[in-house]
């Protein structure tokens, strides 16, 4: 088992002027070059032992660290060096949850991965270099890291580990599916010609089936609760798909989903990441192994 559970990441405070301005994650050479699916990547970061980030040549180190740090912050939301949900960590490690960072669409790394995709690893979303903006953390117009990494953690982890709560399919009616049916104004297995007036989630992409819609809905709710969509410009840009861009609106309108994502038993991230992950644990708080 490769996930961290008992021993926190330790950074000793040796200078009182230390400030958290960079990520304490290590970039390593690609350890999987012999795999046809991974042969075109050159660098690798493993986050908390449970989520793997692979970067294609041309993706900068800053972009790799930025994306991996967001993944770390989502899994260790209080940044104490320990994954918040140990069972989720086990699930992600067991399925080899992977976040590929491609230089561009149809790049050599993307072609190699798609041509050799199998069930030995789980990819639920991808990122392209022009979607990763280390200088603009969580800028919705410049950045897709938060969305795509949440899709990966949710799709490879929560939906399989906790099906009664997060299963994406309509059969069995998980709490997530029930909440989405309310948000869309009914259960639509396909894309309706129009959504009811009372709907606040109205995705119209005909290529996005029910399960795809559910993973998108989970992202919108989590991002809204984190406060990263709460600006007039973003509200206007996303209104065609999602109407609740402030935490207050989410709490007052989507009561069921708000209850799901804020229930501490579900251990979902509440704080927005900033792309900097460097947990500091004092010696007095940590048993030296």
C-alpha atoms as a PDB file:
ATOM      1  CA  UNK A   1       0.000   0.000   0.000  1.00  0.00           C
ATOM      2  CA  UNK A   2       1.441   3.337  -1.064  1.00  0.00           C
ATOM      3  CA  UNK A   3      -0.801   5.912   0.597  1.00  0.00           C
ATOM      4  CA  UNK A   4       0.202   7.969   3.614  1.00  0.00           C
ATOM      5  CA  UNK A   5      -1.783   7.342   6.750  1.00  0.00           C
ATOM      6  CA  UNK A   6       0.128   7.283  10.023  1.00  0.00           C
ATOM      7  CA  UNK A   7       3.143   9.529   9.508  1.00  0.00           C
ATOM      8  CA  UNK A   8       2.553  13.156   8.474  1.00  0.00           C
ATOM      9  CA  UNK A   9       4.747  14.951   5.985  1.00  0.00           C
ATOM     10  CA  UNK A  10       7.088  16.961   8.164  1.00  0.00           C
ATOM     11  CA  UNK A  11       8.695  20.283   7.340  1.00  0.00           C
ATOM     12  CA  UNK A  12      10.757  21.605  10.223  1.00  0.00           C
ATOM     13  CA  UNK A  13      10.403  25.310  10.925  1.00  0.00           C
ATOM     14  CA  UNK A  14      14.022  26.458  10.988  1.00  0.00           C
ATOM     15  CA  UNK A  15      13.469  30.078  10.053  1.00  0.00           C
ATOM     16  CA  UNK A  16      10.828  32.316  11.586  1.00  0.00           C
ATOM     17  CA  UNK A  17      10.518  34.260   8.351  1.00  0.00           C
ATOM     18  CA  UNK A  18       9.502  31.147   6.379  1.00  0.00           C
ATOM     19  CA  UNK A  19       6.383  31.721   4.313  1.00  0.00           C
ATOM     20  CA  UNK A  20       4.347  29.243   2.312  1.00  0.00           C
ATOM     21  CA  UNK A  21       5.026  30.424  -1.220  1.00  0.00           C
ATOM     22  CA  UNK A  22       5.967  27.212  -2.994  1.00  0.00           C
ATOM     23  CA  UNK A  23       4.945  23.582  -3.081  1.00  0.00           C
ATOM     24  CA  UNK A  24       6.784  20.928  -1.127  1.00  0.00           C
ATOM     25  CA  UNK A  25       6.194  18.224  -3.723  1.00  0.00           C
ATOM     26  CA  UNK A  26       8.935  16.406  -5.595  1.00  0.00           C
ATOM     27  CA  UNK A  27       9.068  16.067  -9.357  1.00  0.00           C
ATOM     28  CA  UNK A  28      10.540  12.720 -10.381  1.00  0.00           C
ATOM     29  CA  UNK A  29      11.379  11.139 -13.727  1.00  0.00           C
ATOM     30  CA  UNK A  30       8.578   9.064 -15.230  1.00  0.00           C
ATOM     31  CA  UNK A  31       8.769   5.683 -13.413  1.00  0.00           C
ATOM     32  CA  UNK A  32       6.536   3.990 -15.996  1.00  0.00           C
ATOM     33  CA  UNK A  33       8.417   4.469 -19.253  1.00  0.00           C
ATOM     34  CA  UNK A  34       8.101   0.787 -20.160  1.00  0.00           C
ATOM     35  CA  UNK A  35       4.307   1.077 -20.307  1.00  0.00           C
ATOM     36  CA  UNK A  36       2.977   1.889 -23.799  1.00  0.00           C
ATOM     37  CA  UNK A  37       0.279   4.063 -22.209  1.00  0.00           C
ATOM     38  CA  UNK A  38       2.788   6.190 -20.276  1.00  0.00           C
ATOM     39  CA  UNK A  39       5.866   6.138 -22.487  1.00  0.00           C
ATOM     40  CA  UNK A  40       5.458   9.705 -23.795  1.00  0.00           C
ATOM     41  CA  UNK A  41       5.471  11.373 -20.371  1.00  0.00           C
ATOM     42  CA  UNK A  42       8.783  12.529 -18.905  1.00  0.00           C
ATOM     43  CA  UNK A  43       7.922  13.674 -15.345  1.00  0.00           C
ATOM     44  CA  UNK A  44       5.803  12.451 -12.470  1.00  0.00           C
ATOM     45  CA  UNK A  45       4.496  13.585  -9.081  1.00  0.00           C
ATOM     46  CA  UNK A  46       2.737  11.250  -6.668  1.00  0.00           C
ATOM     47  CA  UNK A  47       0.429  13.050  -4.250  1.00  0.00           C
ATOM     48  CA  UNK A  48       0.052  11.548  -0.785  1.00  0.00           C
ATOM     49  CA  UNK A  49       0.777   8.167  -2.342  1.00  0.00           C
ATOM     50  CA  UNK A  50      -2.693   7.938  -3.891  1.00  0.00           C
ATOM     51  CA  UNK A  51      -2.951  10.228  -6.927  1.00  0.00           C
ATOM     52  CA  UNK A  52      -0.434  10.246  -9.770  1.00  0.00           C
ATOM     53  CA  UNK A  53       0.285  13.222 -12.017  1.00  0.00           C
ATOM     54  CA  UNK A  54       2.152  12.585 -15.289  1.00  0.00           C
ATOM     55  CA  UNK A  55       3.448  15.478 -17.399  1.00  0.00           C
ATOM     56  CA  UNK A  56       4.260  15.444 -21.098  1.00  0.00           C
ATOM     57  CA  UNK A  57       7.345  17.293 -22.396  1.00  0.00           C
ATOM     58  CA  UNK A  58       6.384  20.911 -22.911  1.00  0.00           C
ATOM     59  CA  UNK A  59       4.216  21.046 -19.787  1.00  0.00           C
ATOM     60  CA  UNK A  60       6.268  23.174 -17.420  1.00  0.00           C
ATOM     61  CA  UNK A  61       7.455  22.114 -13.987  1.00  0.00           C
ATOM     62  CA  UNK A  62       5.445  25.022 -12.560  1.00  0.00           C
ATOM     63  CA  UNK A  63       2.289  23.698 -14.206  1.00  0.00           C
ATOM     64  CA  UNK A  64       2.944  20.169 -12.943  1.00  0.00           C
ATOM     65  CA  UNK A  65       3.541  21.367  -9.385  1.00  0.00           C
ATOM     66  CA  UNK A  66       0.500  23.648  -9.539  1.00  0.00           C
ATOM     67  CA  UNK A  67      -1.859  20.853 -10.622  1.00  0.00           C
ATOM     68  CA  UNK A  68      -0.366  18.314  -8.207  1.00  0.00           C
ATOM     69  CA  UNK A  69      -0.606  20.815  -5.357  1.00  0.00           C
ATOM     70  CA  UNK A  70      -4.296  21.378  -6.045  1.00  0.00           C
ATOM     71  CA  UNK A  71      -4.775  17.613  -5.927  1.00  0.00           C
ATOM     72  CA  UNK A  72      -2.935  17.468  -2.606  1.00  0.00           C
ATOM     73  CA  UNK A  73      -4.984  20.308  -1.151  1.00  0.00           C
ATOM     74  CA  UNK A  74      -8.238  18.641  -2.168  1.00  0.00           C
ATOM     75  CA  UNK A  75      -7.217  15.366  -0.517  1.00  0.00           C
ATOM     76  CA  UNK A  76      -5.615  17.024   2.513  1.00  0.00           C
ATOM     77  CA  UNK A  77      -7.860  20.037   2.814  1.00  0.00           C
ATOM     78  CA  UNK A  78      -6.584  21.123   6.240  1.00  0.00           C
ATOM     79  CA  UNK A  79      -2.998  20.712   4.983  1.00  0.00           C
ATOM     80  CA  UNK A  80      -1.728  18.772   7.973  1.00  0.00           C
ATOM     81  CA  UNK A  81       0.180  16.327   5.781  1.00  0.00           C
ATOM     82  CA  UNK A  82      -2.396  13.548   6.097  1.00  0.00           C
ATOM     83  CA  UNK A  83      -5.097  12.542   3.655  1.00  0.00           C
ATOM     84  CA  UNK A  84      -8.492  13.494   5.113  1.00  0.00           C
ATOM     85  CA  UNK A  85     -10.327  10.310   4.079  1.00  0.00           C
ATOM     86  CA  UNK A  86      -8.137   7.235   4.498  1.00  0.00           C
ATOM     87  CA  UNK A  87     -10.642   4.937   2.774  1.00  0.00           C
ATOM     88  CA  UNK A  88     -10.752   7.288  -0.210  1.00  0.00           C
ATOM     89  CA  UNK A  89      -6.964   7.147  -0.337  1.00  0.00           C
ATOM     90  CA  UNK A  90      -7.065   3.363  -0.395  1.00  0.00           C
ATOM     91  CA  UNK A  91      -9.555   3.418  -3.247  1.00  0.00           C
ATOM     92  CA  UNK A  92      -7.540   5.855  -5.339  1.00  0.00           C
ATOM     93  CA  UNK A  93      -4.348   3.876  -4.757  1.00  0.00           C
ATOM     94  CA  UNK A  94      -6.038   0.571  -5.604  1.00  0.00           C
ATOM     95  CA  UNK A  95      -7.247   1.814  -8.989  1.00  0.00           C
ATOM     96  CA  UNK A  96      -4.039   3.756  -9.765  1.00  0.00           C
ATOM     97  CA  UNK A  97      -5.879   7.048 -10.070  1.00  0.00           C
ATOM     98  CA  UNK A  98      -4.023   9.091 -12.678  1.00  0.00           C
ATOM     99  CA  UNK A  99      -4.162  12.708 -13.803  1.00  0.00           C
ATOM    100  CA  UNK A 100      -2.439  13.131 -17.188  1.00  0.00           C
ATOM    101  CA  UNK A 101      -1.158  16.585 -18.135  1.00  0.00           C
ATOM    102  CA  UNK A 102      -0.959  16.782 -21.923  1.00  0.00           C
ATOM    103  CA  UNK A 103       0.806  19.451 -23.947  1.00  0.00           C
ATOM    104  CA  UNK A 104      -2.180  19.784 -26.291  1.00  0.00           C
ATOM    105  CA  UNK A 105      -5.074  17.839 -27.734  1.00  0.00           C
ATOM    106  CA  UNK A 106      -3.968  14.854 -29.838  1.00  0.00           C
ATOM    107  CA  UNK A 107      -0.410  15.189 -28.563  1.00  0.00           C
ATOM    108  CA  UNK A 108       1.903  12.145 -28.617  1.00  0.00           C
ATOM    109  CA  UNK A 109       1.238  11.427 -24.935  1.00  0.00           C
ATOM    110  CA  UNK A 110      -2.523  11.626 -25.384  1.00  0.00           C
ATOM    111  CA  UNK A 111      -2.424   9.376 -28.420  1.00  0.00           C
ATOM    112  CA  UNK A 112      -0.257   6.809 -26.626  1.00  0.00           C
ATOM    113  CA  UNK A 113      -2.494   6.780 -23.560  1.00  0.00           C
ATOM    114  CA  UNK A 114      -5.733   6.529 -25.515  1.00  0.00           C
ATOM    115  CA  UNK A 115      -4.350   3.803 -27.795  1.00  0.00           C
ATOM    116  CA  UNK A 116      -3.201   1.735 -24.834  1.00  0.00           C
ATOM    117  CA  UNK A 117      -5.874   2.474 -22.256  1.00  0.00           C
ATOM    118  CA  UNK A 118      -6.724  -0.467 -19.989  1.00  0.00           C
ATOM    119  CA  UNK A 119      -8.136  -1.197 -16.542  1.00  0.00           C
ATOM    120  CA  UNK A 120      -4.782  -1.071 -14.736  1.00  0.00           C
ATOM    121  CA  UNK A 121      -5.194   2.659 -14.124  1.00  0.00           C
ATOM    122  CA  UNK A 122      -8.111   5.063 -13.685  1.00  0.00           C
ATOM    123  CA  UNK A 123      -8.316   8.289 -15.678  1.00  0.00           C
ATOM    124  CA  UNK A 124     -11.537  10.231 -15.249  1.00  0.00           C
ATOM    125  CA  UNK A 125     -10.385  13.570 -16.680  1.00  0.00           C
ATOM    126  CA  UNK A 126      -7.346  15.155 -18.328  1.00  0.00           C
ATOM    127  CA  UNK A 127      -5.668  18.559 -18.366  1.00  0.00           C
ATOM    128  CA  UNK A 128      -3.995  20.375 -21.255  1.00  0.00           C
ATOM    129  CA  UNK A 129      -1.169  22.831 -20.713  1.00  0.00           C
ATOM    130  CA  UNK A 130      -3.262  25.829 -21.780  1.00  0.00           C
ATOM    131  CA  UNK A 131      -5.742  24.986 -18.992  1.00  0.00           C
ATOM    132  CA  UNK A 132      -3.136  25.200 -16.214  1.00  0.00           C
ATOM    133  CA  UNK A 133      -2.237  28.711 -15.058  1.00  0.00           C
ATOM    134  CA  UNK A 134       0.062  28.733 -12.008  1.00  0.00           C
ATOM    135  CA  UNK A 135       0.007  32.536 -11.889  1.00  0.00           C
ATOM    136  CA  UNK A 136      -3.797  32.637 -11.797  1.00  0.00           C
ATOM    137  CA  UNK A 137      -4.859  30.039  -9.231  1.00  0.00           C
ATOM    138  CA  UNK A 138      -8.566  29.224  -9.465  1.00  0.00           C
ATOM    139  CA  UNK A 139      -9.250  31.851 -12.131  1.00  0.00           C
ATOM    140  CA  UNK A 140     -12.248  30.131 -13.721  1.00  0.00           C
ATOM    141  CA  UNK A 141     -11.572  31.775 -17.077  1.00  0.00           C
ATOM    142  CA  UNK A 142      -7.920  30.641 -17.215  1.00  0.00           C
ATOM    143  CA  UNK A 143      -7.835  27.495 -15.128  1.00  0.00           C
ATOM    144  CA  UNK A 144      -9.463  24.051 -15.392  1.00  0.00           C
ATOM    145  CA  UNK A 145      -7.307  22.328 -12.770  1.00  0.00           C
ATOM    146  CA  UNK A 146      -9.844  22.429  -9.937  1.00  0.00           C
ATOM    147  CA  UNK A 147     -12.638  21.007 -12.081  1.00  0.00           C
ATOM    148  CA  UNK A 148     -10.682  18.232 -13.768  1.00  0.00           C
ATOM    149  CA  UNK A 149      -8.865  17.096 -10.621  1.00  0.00           C
ATOM    150  CA  UNK A 150     -12.141  17.021  -8.688  1.00  0.00           C
ATOM    151  CA  UNK A 151     -13.616  14.915 -11.510  1.00  0.00           C
ATOM    152  CA  UNK A 152     -10.719  12.490 -11.115  1.00  0.00           C
ATOM    153  CA  UNK A 153     -10.957  12.231  -7.330  1.00  0.00           C
ATOM    154  CA  UNK A 154     -14.740  11.946  -7.443  1.00  0.00           C
ATOM    155  CA  UNK A 155     -14.931   9.601 -10.437  1.00  0.00           C
ATOM    156  CA  UNK A 156     -12.095   7.242  -9.493  1.00  0.00           C
ATOM    157  CA  UNK A 157     -12.798   7.483  -5.778  1.00  0.00           C
ATOM    158  CA  UNK A 158     -16.101   8.623  -4.285  1.00  0.00           C
ATOM    159  CA  UNK A 159     -18.487   7.169  -6.859  1.00  0.00           C
ATOM    160  CA  UNK A 160     -17.042   3.664  -6.531  1.00  0.00           C
ATOM    161  CA  UNK A 161     -16.279   3.718  -2.811  1.00  0.00           C
ATOM    162  CA  UNK A 162     -19.541   5.224  -1.576  1.00  0.00           C
ATOM    163  CA  UNK A 163     -22.202   4.245  -4.169  1.00  0.00           C
ATOM    164  CA  UNK A 164     -25.213   4.888  -1.943  1.00  0.00           C
ATOM    165  CA  UNK A 165     -24.072   8.481  -1.615  1.00  0.00           C
ATOM    166  CA  UNK A 166     -22.235   9.237  -4.870  1.00  0.00           C
ATOM    167  CA  UNK A 167     -23.083   6.681  -7.574  1.00  0.00           C
ATOM    168  CA  UNK A 168     -23.572   8.470 -10.884  1.00  0.00           C
ATOM    169  CA  UNK A 169     -26.123   6.213 -12.530  1.00  0.00           C
ATOM    170  CA  UNK A 170     -29.891   6.733 -12.054  1.00  0.00           C
ATOM    171  CA  UNK A 171     -30.606   3.111 -11.123  1.00  0.00           C
ATOM    172  CA  UNK A 172     -30.405   2.798  -7.352  1.00  0.00           C
ATOM    173  CA  UNK A 173     -30.875   6.541  -6.954  1.00  0.00           C
ATOM    174  CA  UNK A 174     -27.869   7.587  -4.890  1.00  0.00           C
ATOM    175  CA  UNK A 175     -28.260  10.739  -2.850  1.00  0.00           C
ATOM    176  CA  UNK A 176     -26.205  12.560  -5.480  1.00  0.00           C
ATOM    177  CA  UNK A 177     -28.546  11.366  -8.249  1.00  0.00           C
ATOM    178  CA  UNK A 178     -31.621  12.337  -6.243  1.00  0.00           C
ATOM    179  CA  UNK A 179     -30.206  15.800  -5.603  1.00  0.00           C
ATOM    180  CA  UNK A 180     -29.385  16.244  -9.283  1.00  0.00           C
ATOM    181  CA  UNK A 181     -32.895  15.232 -10.315  1.00  0.00           C
ATOM    182  CA  UNK A 182     -34.222  17.984  -8.077  1.00  0.00           C
ATOM    183  CA  UNK A 183     -31.708  20.482  -9.441  1.00  0.00           C
ATOM    184  CA  UNK A 184     -32.694  19.656 -13.047  1.00  0.00           C
ATOM    185  CA  UNK A 185     -36.419  19.730 -12.323  1.00  0.00           C
ATOM    186  CA  UNK A 186     -36.901  16.000 -12.951  1.00  0.00           C
ATOM    187  CA  UNK A 187     -35.086  12.798 -13.861  1.00  0.00           C
ATOM    188  CA  UNK A 188     -33.941  13.085 -17.467  1.00  0.00           C
ATOM    189  CA  UNK A 189     -32.005  10.096 -18.783  1.00  0.00           C
ATOM    190  CA  UNK A 190     -31.267  12.071 -21.940  1.00  0.00           C
ATOM    191  CA  UNK A 191     -30.971  15.788 -22.578  1.00  0.00           C
ATOM    192  CA  UNK A 192     -34.469  17.322 -22.606  1.00  0.00           C
ATOM    193  CA  UNK A 193     -35.572  19.781 -25.235  1.00  0.00           C
ATOM    194  CA  UNK A 194     -35.791  22.322 -22.430  1.00  0.00           C
ATOM    195  CA  UNK A 195     -35.511  22.233 -18.689  1.00  0.00           C
ATOM    196  CA  UNK A 196     -38.350  23.235 -16.339  1.00  0.00           C
ATOM    197  CA  UNK A 197     -38.294  26.845 -15.204  1.00  0.00           C
ATOM    198  CA  UNK A 198     -37.563  25.767 -11.631  1.00  0.00           C
ATOM    199  CA  UNK A 199     -34.321  23.984 -12.594  1.00  0.00           C
ATOM    200  CA  UNK A 200     -31.026  25.582 -11.534  1.00  0.00           C
ATOM    201  CA  UNK A 201     -28.789  23.021 -13.232  1.00  0.00           C
ATOM    202  CA  UNK A 202     -29.483  22.811 -16.950  1.00  0.00           C
ATOM    203  CA  UNK A 203     -26.658  21.269 -18.911  1.00  0.00           C
ATOM    204  CA  UNK A 204     -27.476  20.955 -22.610  1.00  0.00           C
ATOM    205  CA  UNK A 205     -24.456  19.150 -24.099  1.00  0.00           C
ATOM    206  CA  UNK A 206     -26.037  16.150 -25.869  1.00  0.00           C
ATOM    207  CA  UNK A 207     -22.759  14.203 -25.601  1.00  0.00           C
ATOM    208  CA  UNK A 208     -22.958  14.309 -21.779  1.00  0.00           C
ATOM    209  CA  UNK A 209     -25.104  11.412 -20.527  1.00  0.00           C
ATOM    210  CA  UNK A 210     -26.690  11.059 -17.076  1.00  0.00           C
ATOM    211  CA  UNK A 211     -23.460   9.920 -15.401  1.00  0.00           C
ATOM    212  CA  UNK A 212     -21.499  12.743 -17.037  1.00  0.00           C
ATOM    213  CA  UNK A 213     -24.117  15.230 -15.858  1.00  0.00           C
ATOM    214  CA  UNK A 214     -23.876  13.889 -12.295  1.00  0.00           C
ATOM    215  CA  UNK A 215     -20.100  14.346 -12.123  1.00  0.00           C
ATOM    216  CA  UNK A 216     -20.479  17.879 -13.535  1.00  0.00           C
ATOM    217  CA  UNK A 217     -23.186  18.663 -10.977  1.00  0.00           C
ATOM    218  CA  UNK A 218     -20.958  17.472  -8.134  1.00  0.00           C
ATOM    219  CA  UNK A 219     -18.185  19.761  -9.365  1.00  0.00           C
ATOM    220  CA  UNK A 220     -20.474  22.808  -9.612  1.00  0.00           C
ATOM    221  CA  UNK A 221     -21.733  22.282  -6.074  1.00  0.00           C
ATOM    222  CA  UNK A 222     -18.269  21.752  -4.564  1.00  0.00           C
ATOM    223  CA  UNK A 223     -16.786  24.747  -6.395  1.00  0.00           C
ATOM    224  CA  UNK A 224     -19.726  26.936  -5.383  1.00  0.00           C
ATOM    225  CA  UNK A 225     -19.403  25.930  -1.754  1.00  0.00           C
ATOM    226  CA  UNK A 226     -15.691  26.791  -1.876  1.00  0.00           C
ATOM    227  CA  UNK A 227     -16.584  30.299  -3.065  1.00  0.00           C
ATOM    228  CA  UNK A 228     -14.527  30.182  -6.268  1.00  0.00           C
ATOM    229  CA  UNK A 229     -17.461  31.003  -8.568  1.00  0.00           C
ATOM    230  CA  UNK A 230     -18.753  33.964  -6.599  1.00  0.00           C
ATOM    231  CA  UNK A 231     -18.139  36.908  -8.911  1.00  0.00           C
ATOM    232  CA  UNK A 232     -20.511  38.706 -11.302  1.00  0.00           C
ATOM    233  CA  UNK A 233     -18.328  37.854 -14.300  1.00  0.00           C
ATOM    234  CA  UNK A 234     -18.242  34.130 -13.518  1.00  0.00           C
ATOM    235  CA  UNK A 235     -21.949  34.073 -12.622  1.00  0.00           C
ATOM    236  CA  UNK A 236     -22.785  35.539 -16.017  1.00  0.00           C
ATOM    237  CA  UNK A 237     -20.475  33.113 -17.829  1.00  0.00           C
ATOM    238  CA  UNK A 238     -21.903  29.962 -16.232  1.00  0.00           C
ATOM    239  CA  UNK A 239     -25.569  30.970 -15.924  1.00  0.00           C
ATOM    240  CA  UNK A 240     -26.628  28.959 -18.970  1.00  0.00           C
ATOM    241  CA  UNK A 241     -25.553  25.798 -17.151  1.00  0.00           C
ATOM    242  CA  UNK A 242     -25.491  26.591 -13.427  1.00  0.00           C
ATOM    243  CA  UNK A 243     -27.313  29.345 -11.554  1.00  0.00           C
ATOM    244  CA  UNK A 244     -26.015  29.047  -7.996  1.00  0.00           C
ATOM    245  CA  UNK A 245     -22.646  30.780  -7.936  1.00  0.00           C
ATOM    246  CA  UNK A 246     -22.462  31.809  -4.269  1.00  0.00           C
ATOM    247  CA  UNK A 247     -22.290  29.592  -1.165  1.00  0.00           C
ATOM    248  CA  UNK A 248     -25.318  31.422   0.219  1.00  0.00           C
ATOM    249  CA  UNK A 249     -27.422  30.613  -2.849  1.00  0.00           C
ATOM    250  CA  UNK A 250     -26.344  26.979  -2.755  1.00  0.00           C
ATOM    251  CA  UNK A 251     -27.272  26.685   0.928  1.00  0.00           C
ATOM    252  CA  UNK A 252     -30.671  28.311   0.457  1.00  0.00           C
ATOM    253  CA  UNK A 253     -31.739  26.736  -2.856  1.00  0.00           C
ATOM    254  CA  UNK A 254     -30.067  23.325  -3.218  1.00  0.00           C
ATOM    255  CA  UNK A 255     -30.741  22.079   0.287  1.00  0.00           C
ATOM    256  CA  UNK A 256     -30.112  18.398  -0.418  1.00  0.00           C
ATOM    257  CA  UNK A 257     -26.807  18.864  -2.226  1.00  0.00           C
ATOM    258  CA  UNK A 258     -25.587  21.417   0.301  1.00  0.00           C
ATOM    259  CA  UNK A 259     -26.274  18.901   3.065  1.00  0.00           C
ATOM    260  CA  UNK A 260     -24.364  16.186   1.192  1.00  0.00           C
ATOM    261  CA  UNK A 261     -21.209  18.180   0.528  1.00  0.00           C
ATOM    262  CA  UNK A 262     -21.032  19.869   3.945  1.00  0.00           C
ATOM    263  CA  UNK A 263     -21.736  16.729   6.004  1.00  0.00           C
ATOM    264  CA  UNK A 264     -18.443  16.122   7.834  1.00  0.00           C
ATOM    265  CA  UNK A 265     -18.995  12.368   7.571  1.00  0.00           C
ATOM    266  CA  UNK A 266     -18.508  12.635   3.796  1.00  0.00           C
ATOM    267  CA  UNK A 267     -15.076  14.296   4.259  1.00  0.00           C
ATOM    268  CA  UNK A 268     -15.332  16.420   1.121  1.00  0.00           C
ATOM    269  CA  UNK A 269     -13.048  19.457   0.728  1.00  0.00           C
ATOM    270  CA  UNK A 270     -14.552  22.696   2.003  1.00  0.00           C
ATOM    271  CA  UNK A 271     -11.695  25.140   1.453  1.00  0.00           C
ATOM    272  CA  UNK A 272     -10.561  26.290  -1.982  1.00  0.00           C
ATOM    273  CA  UNK A 273      -7.021  25.226  -2.888  1.00  0.00           C
ATOM    274  CA  UNK A 274      -4.532  27.850  -4.013  1.00  0.00           C
ATOM    275  CA  UNK A 275      -2.036  25.669  -5.870  1.00  0.00           C
ATOM    276  CA  UNK A 276       0.512  25.788  -3.045  1.00  0.00           C
ATOM    277  CA  UNK A 277       0.908  22.677  -0.908  1.00  0.00           C
ATOM    278  CA  UNK A 278       3.511  22.737   1.834  1.00  0.00           C
ATOM    279  CA  UNK A 279       2.055  21.400   5.092  1.00  0.00           C
ATOM    280  CA  UNK A 280       3.968  22.447   8.178  1.00  0.00           C
ATOM    281  CA  UNK A 281       3.885  20.126  11.178  1.00  0.00           C
ATOM    282  CA  UNK A 282       5.781  21.163  14.262  1.00  0.00           C
ATOM    283  CA  UNK A 283       8.113  18.692  15.927  1.00  0.00           C
ATOM    284  CA  UNK A 284       6.053  18.852  19.106  1.00  0.00           C
ATOM    285  CA  UNK A 285       2.996  17.605  17.189  1.00  0.00           C
ATOM    286  CA  UNK A 286       4.746  14.776  15.408  1.00  0.00           C
ATOM    287  CA  UNK A 287       6.315  11.598  16.648  1.00  0.00           C
ATOM    288  CA  UNK A 288       9.626  11.159  14.889  1.00  0.00           C
ATOM    289  CA  UNK A 289       9.724   7.674  13.405  1.00  0.00           C
END
